[in-house]
Amino acid sequence: ARFVAALRATMHAAPGVGLAAPQVGVPLRLAVIEDPAPVPEEIRLARGRVPQPFRVLVNPSYEAVGAARAAFFEGCLSVPGYQAVVARPLEVRLTARDEQGQPVDEVFRGWPARIVQHETDHLDGTLYLDRAEPRSLSSNWAAAELWGQPTPERAAQELGFTLPG
């Protein structure tokens, strides 16, 4: 419980919407997620970003539900200062255990699905950069100032990469 509390505090301080134990040097298949989703309505609608309560995910895994994919800029507390466009399944089924050892079997869609995939990937040794469109890698400043639209179509057009769909 103390470690989970420390992960949550670290995630909030960063600030972030998820944190995996390996990111703080602890080799456990455990992650925490929480997203108050304080974004403008235009971004919320485009990205499917809705508030997520605090959750503990023990030994999580996910599988895509359907073939639909969504591409958005994504960042990571392990790679501070940068973002890149990552295409991910729009909807995933997550299986895990919670902090009490109870089974979790839930479908996530939109931005919450992205968070689940991102944090679970950490536990498998995968960073968002491993899945990113290389031409899209941008500083946080550039991502906000040049490509800050709700969706990355302008970045794709100007930087010369293809979005799914």
C-alpha atoms as a PDB file:
ATOM      1  CA  ALA A   1       0.000   0.000   0.000  1.00  0.00           C
ATOM      2  CA  ARG A   2       2.896   2.388   0.760  1.00  0.00           C
ATOM      3  CA  PHE A   3       4.454   1.715  -2.641  1.00  0.00           C
ATOM      4  CA  VAL A   4       1.129   2.328  -4.420  1.00  0.00           C
ATOM      5  CA  ALA A   5       0.739   5.602  -2.499  1.00  0.00           C
ATOM      6  CA  ALA A   6       4.276   6.601  -3.498  1.00  0.00           C
ATOM      7  CA  LEU A   7       3.571   5.797  -7.170  1.00  0.00           C
ATOM      8  CA  ARG A   8       0.412   7.894  -7.056  1.00  0.00           C
ATOM      9  CA  ALA A   9       2.194  10.824  -5.423  1.00  0.00           C
ATOM     10  CA  THR A  10       5.034  10.608  -7.966  1.00  0.00           C
ATOM     11  CA  MET A  11       2.564  10.469 -10.858  1.00  0.00           C
ATOM     12  CA  HIS A  12       0.755  13.563  -9.564  1.00  0.00           C
ATOM     13  CA  ALA A  13       4.001  15.459  -8.942  1.00  0.00           C
ATOM     14  CA  ALA A  14       5.340  14.776 -12.454  1.00  0.00           C
ATOM     15  CA  PRO A  15       2.461  15.507 -13.479  1.00  0.00           C
ATOM     16  CA  GLY A  16       1.184  12.507 -15.399  1.00  0.00           C
ATOM     17  CA  VAL A  17      -1.834  10.273 -15.897  1.00  0.00           C
ATOM     18  CA  GLY A  18      -0.056   6.964 -15.351  1.00  0.00           C
ATOM     19  CA  LEU A  19       3.110   5.514 -13.909  1.00  0.00           C
ATOM     20  CA  ALA A  20       4.582   2.019 -14.035  1.00  0.00           C
ATOM     21  CA  ALA A  21       6.759   0.537 -11.296  1.00  0.00           C
ATOM     22  CA  PRO A  22       9.775   0.040 -13.628  1.00  0.00           C
ATOM     23  CA  GLN A  23       9.798   3.800 -14.285  1.00  0.00           C
ATOM     24  CA  VAL A  24      10.884   4.304 -10.673  1.00  0.00           C
ATOM     25  CA  GLY A  25      13.328   1.390 -10.714  1.00  0.00           C
ATOM     26  CA  VAL A  26      11.080  -1.289  -9.196  1.00  0.00           C
ATOM     27  CA  PRO A  27      10.836  -4.469 -11.312  1.00  0.00           C
ATOM     28  CA  LEU A  28       7.170  -5.258 -10.649  1.00  0.00           C
ATOM     29  CA  ARG A  29       4.305  -5.663 -13.145  1.00  0.00           C
ATOM     30  CA  LEU A  30       2.345  -2.894 -11.462  1.00  0.00           C
ATOM     31  CA  ALA A  31       1.082   0.451 -12.741  1.00  0.00           C
ATOM     32  CA  VAL A  32      -1.225   3.204 -11.547  1.00  0.00           C
ATOM     33  CA  ILE A  33      -3.472   5.390 -13.676  1.00  0.00           C
ATOM     34  CA  GLU A  34      -5.638   8.415 -12.957  1.00  0.00           C
ATOM     35  CA  ASP A  35      -6.796  11.201 -15.242  1.00  0.00           C
ATOM     36  CA  PRO A  36      -8.963  14.140 -14.178  1.00  0.00           C
ATOM     37  CA  ALA A  37      -9.028  15.103 -17.904  1.00  0.00           C
ATOM     38  CA  PRO A  38      -8.812  18.897 -17.454  1.00  0.00           C
ATOM     39  CA  VAL A  39      -8.853  19.659 -21.185  1.00  0.00           C
ATOM     40  CA  PRO A  40     -10.914  21.918 -23.429  1.00  0.00           C
ATOM     41  CA  GLU A  41     -14.109  20.394 -24.828  1.00  0.00           C
ATOM     42  CA  GLU A  42     -12.726  20.332 -28.380  1.00  0.00           C
ATOM     43  CA  ILE A  43      -9.792  18.156 -27.278  1.00  0.00           C
ATOM     44  CA  ARG A  44     -11.984  15.978 -25.064  1.00  0.00           C
ATOM     45  CA  LEU A  45     -14.275  15.194 -27.989  1.00  0.00           C
ATOM     46  CA  ALA A  46     -11.506  14.637 -30.573  1.00  0.00           C
ATOM     47  CA  ARG A  47      -9.441  12.367 -28.334  1.00  0.00           C
ATOM     48  CA  GLY A  48     -12.154  10.673 -26.302  1.00  0.00           C
ATOM     49  CA  ARG A  49     -10.548  11.979 -23.145  1.00  0.00           C
ATOM     50  CA  VAL A  50     -12.807  11.441 -20.167  1.00  0.00           C
ATOM     51  CA  PRO A  51     -11.956  11.423 -16.461  1.00  0.00           C
ATOM     52  CA  GLN A  52     -10.555   8.189 -15.077  1.00  0.00           C
ATOM     53  CA  PRO A  53     -10.575   7.358 -11.386  1.00  0.00           C
ATOM     54  CA  PHE A  54      -7.426   6.205  -9.634  1.00  0.00           C
ATOM     55  CA  ARG A  55      -6.709   2.562 -10.435  1.00  0.00           C
ATOM     56  CA  VAL A  56      -4.007   0.087  -9.574  1.00  0.00           C
ATOM     57  CA  LEU A  57      -3.183  -2.445 -12.290  1.00  0.00           C
ATOM     58  CA  VAL A  58      -1.317  -5.577 -11.237  1.00  0.00           C
ATOM     59  CA  ASN A  59       0.007  -7.813 -14.013  1.00  0.00           C
ATOM     60  CA  PRO A  60      -2.081  -6.086 -16.698  1.00  0.00           C
ATOM     61  CA  SER A  61      -2.398  -7.163 -20.296  1.00  0.00           C
ATOM     62  CA  TYR A  62      -4.546  -5.858 -23.110  1.00  0.00           C
ATOM     63  CA  GLU A  63      -5.860  -6.879 -26.487  1.00  0.00           C
ATOM     64  CA  ALA A  64      -7.340  -4.738 -29.227  1.00  0.00           C
ATOM     65  CA  VAL A  65     -11.106  -4.733 -29.621  1.00  0.00           C
ATOM     66  CA  GLY A  66     -11.741  -4.269 -33.326  1.00  0.00           C
ATOM     67  CA  ALA A  67      -9.402  -2.848 -35.945  1.00  0.00           C
ATOM     68  CA  ALA A  68      -9.976   0.896 -35.399  1.00  0.00           C
ATOM     69  CA  ARG A  69      -6.857   2.881 -34.558  1.00  0.00           C
ATOM     70  CA  ALA A  70      -6.309   6.449 -33.410  1.00  0.00           C
ATOM     71  CA  ALA A  71      -3.149   8.530 -33.690  1.00  0.00           C
ATOM     72  CA  PHE A  72      -2.321  11.362 -31.312  1.00  0.00           C
ATOM     73  CA  PHE A  73       0.716  13.027 -29.808  1.00  0.00           C
ATOM     74  CA  GLU A  74       1.815  11.148 -26.715  1.00  0.00           C
ATOM     75  CA  GLY A  75       4.485  11.861 -24.114  1.00  0.00           C
ATOM     76  CA  CYS A  76       6.068   9.979 -21.255  1.00  0.00           C
ATOM     77  CA  LEU A  77       7.520  10.773 -17.857  1.00  0.00           C
ATOM     78  CA  SER A  78      10.510   8.570 -18.796  1.00  0.00           C
ATOM     79  CA  VAL A  79      11.310  10.782 -21.800  1.00  0.00           C
ATOM     80  CA  PRO A  80      10.727  14.292 -20.455  1.00  0.00           C
ATOM     81  CA  GLY A  81      10.396  17.197 -22.838  1.00  0.00           C
ATOM     82  CA  TYR A  82       9.270  15.314 -25.955  1.00  0.00           C
ATOM     83  CA  GLN A  83       6.159  13.976 -27.664  1.00  0.00           C
ATOM     84  CA  ALA A  84       5.496  11.930 -30.782  1.00  0.00           C
ATOM     85  CA  VAL A  85       2.488  10.670 -32.691  1.00  0.00           C
ATOM     86  CA  VAL A  86       1.575   7.110 -31.770  1.00  0.00           C
ATOM     87  CA  ALA A  87      -1.141   5.117 -33.524  1.00  0.00           C
ATOM     88  CA  ARG A  88      -2.833   2.733 -31.100  1.00  0.00           C
ATOM     89  CA  PRO A  89      -5.970   0.615 -31.043  1.00  0.00           C
ATOM     90  CA  LEU A  90      -8.954   2.854 -30.275  1.00  0.00           C
ATOM     91  CA  GLU A  91     -10.473   0.265 -27.953  1.00  0.00           C
ATOM     92  CA  VAL A  92      -8.824  -2.403 -25.797  1.00  0.00           C
ATOM     93  CA  ARG A  93      -9.860  -5.069 -23.349  1.00  0.00           C
ATOM     94  CA  LEU A  94      -7.756  -4.898 -20.190  1.00  0.00           C
ATOM     95  CA  THR A  95      -7.303  -7.842 -17.874  1.00  0.00           C
ATOM     96  CA  ALA A  96      -5.420  -7.402 -14.609  1.00  0.00           C
ATOM     97  CA  ARG A  97      -5.759  -7.596 -10.849  1.00  0.00           C
ATOM     98  CA  ASP A  98      -6.436  -4.627  -8.621  1.00  0.00           C
ATOM     99  CA  GLU A  99      -4.558  -3.766  -5.414  1.00  0.00           C
ATOM    100  CA  GLN A 100      -6.783  -6.193  -3.466  1.00  0.00           C
ATOM    101  CA  GLY A 101      -6.069  -9.045  -5.890  1.00  0.00           C
ATOM    102  CA  GLN A 102      -9.534  -8.853  -7.423  1.00  0.00           C
ATOM    103  CA  PRO A 103      -9.812  -9.513 -11.166  1.00  0.00           C
ATOM    104  CA  VAL A 104     -10.191  -6.600 -13.557  1.00  0.00           C
ATOM    105  CA  ASP A 105     -11.722  -7.278 -16.972  1.00  0.00           C
ATOM    106  CA  GLU A 106     -12.793  -4.050 -18.615  1.00  0.00           C
ATOM    107  CA  VAL A 107     -13.003  -2.427 -22.034  1.00  0.00           C
ATOM    108  CA  PHE A 108     -11.424   1.021 -22.423  1.00  0.00           C
ATOM    109  CA  ARG A 109     -11.999   3.367 -25.362  1.00  0.00           C
ATOM    110  CA  GLY A 110     -10.385   6.607 -26.518  1.00  0.00           C
ATOM    111  CA  TRP A 111      -7.788   8.299 -24.336  1.00  0.00           C
ATOM    112  CA  PRO A 112      -8.273   5.912 -21.381  1.00  0.00           C
ATOM    113  CA  ALA A 113      -7.423   3.033 -23.763  1.00  0.00           C
ATOM    114  CA  ARG A 114      -4.231   4.898 -24.720  1.00  0.00           C
ATOM    115  CA  ILE A 115      -3.240   5.281 -21.052  1.00  0.00           C
ATOM    116  CA  VAL A 116      -3.820   1.583 -20.364  1.00  0.00           C
ATOM    117  CA  GLN A 117      -1.742   0.587 -23.397  1.00  0.00           C
ATOM    118  CA  HIS A 118       1.060   3.034 -22.608  1.00  0.00           C
ATOM    119  CA  GLU A 119       1.449   1.885 -18.982  1.00  0.00           C
ATOM    120  CA  THR A 120       1.125  -1.820 -19.817  1.00  0.00           C
ATOM    121  CA  ASP A 121       3.745  -1.390 -22.541  1.00  0.00           C
ATOM    122  CA  HIS A 122       6.188  -0.113 -19.898  1.00  0.00           C
ATOM    123  CA  LEU A 123       5.825  -3.419 -18.077  1.00  0.00           C
ATOM    124  CA  ASP A 124       6.792  -5.227 -21.280  1.00  0.00           C
ATOM    125  CA  GLY A 125       9.870  -3.029 -21.835  1.00  0.00           C
ATOM    126  CA  THR A 126       8.283  -0.937 -24.575  1.00  0.00           C
ATOM    127  CA  LEU A 127       8.337   2.866 -24.657  1.00  0.00           C
ATOM    128  CA  TYR A 128       5.990   5.021 -26.707  1.00  0.00           C
ATOM    129  CA  LEU A 129       8.970   5.898 -28.913  1.00  0.00           C
ATOM    130  CA  ASP A 130       9.149   2.252 -29.993  1.00  0.00           C
ATOM    131  CA  ARG A 131       5.653   2.671 -31.493  1.00  0.00           C
ATOM    132  CA  ALA A 132       5.893   6.318 -32.614  1.00  0.00           C
ATOM    133  CA  GLU A 133       5.988   7.810 -36.077  1.00  0.00           C
ATOM    134  CA  PRO A 134       9.686   8.863 -36.149  1.00  0.00           C
ATOM    135  CA  ARG A 135       9.084  12.006 -38.229  1.00  0.00           C
ATOM    136  CA  SER A 136       6.684  13.284 -35.565  1.00  0.00           C
ATOM    137  CA  LEU A 137       9.111  13.460 -32.631  1.00  0.00           C
ATOM    138  CA  SER A 138       8.799  16.999 -31.277  1.00  0.00           C
ATOM    139  CA  SER A 139       9.770  18.966 -28.230  1.00  0.00           C
ATOM    140  CA  ASN A 140       6.882  19.728 -25.890  1.00  0.00           C
ATOM    141  CA  TRP A 141       7.121  23.349 -27.065  1.00  0.00           C
ATOM    142  CA  ALA A 142       6.833  22.394 -30.748  1.00  0.00           C
ATOM    143  CA  ALA A 143       4.010  19.940 -30.052  1.00  0.00           C
ATOM    144  CA  ALA A 144       2.058  22.671 -28.257  1.00  0.00           C
ATOM    145  CA  GLU A 145       2.910  25.665 -30.454  1.00  0.00           C
ATOM    146  CA  LEU A 146       3.059  24.061 -33.910  1.00  0.00           C
ATOM    147  CA  TRP A 147       0.989  20.905 -33.608  1.00  0.00           C
ATOM    148  CA  GLY A 148      -1.346  21.765 -30.715  1.00  0.00           C
ATOM    149  CA  GLN A 149      -4.515  21.036 -32.677  1.00  0.00           C
ATOM    150  CA  PRO A 150      -6.833  18.374 -31.202  1.00  0.00           C
ATOM    151  CA  THR A 151      -5.729  15.873 -33.871  1.00  0.00           C
ATOM    152  CA  PRO A 152      -2.330  15.496 -35.610  1.00  0.00           C
ATOM    153  CA  GLU A 153      -3.463  15.885 -39.266  1.00  0.00           C
ATOM    154  CA  ARG A 154      -1.537  19.138 -39.776  1.00  0.00           C
ATOM    155  CA  ALA A 155       1.638  17.636 -38.295  1.00  0.00           C
ATOM    156  CA  ALA A 156       1.279  14.574 -40.516  1.00  0.00           C
ATOM    157  CA  GLN A 157       0.825  16.694 -43.621  1.00  0.00           C
ATOM    158  CA  GLU A 158       3.690  19.082 -42.912  1.00  0.00           C
ATOM    159  CA  LEU A 159       6.124  16.481 -41.548  1.00  0.00           C
ATOM    160  CA  GLY A 160       5.300  13.871 -44.197  1.00  0.00           C
ATOM    161  CA  PHE A 161       3.911  10.848 -42.376  1.00  0.00           C
ATOM    162  CA  THR A 162       0.690   8.915 -42.792  1.00  0.00           C
ATOM    163  CA  LEU A 163      -2.003   8.557 -40.166  1.00  0.00           C
ATOM    164  CA  PRO A 164      -4.068   5.367 -39.880  1.00  0.00           C
ATOM    165  CA  GLY A 165      -7.522   5.263 -41.425  1.00  0.00           C
END
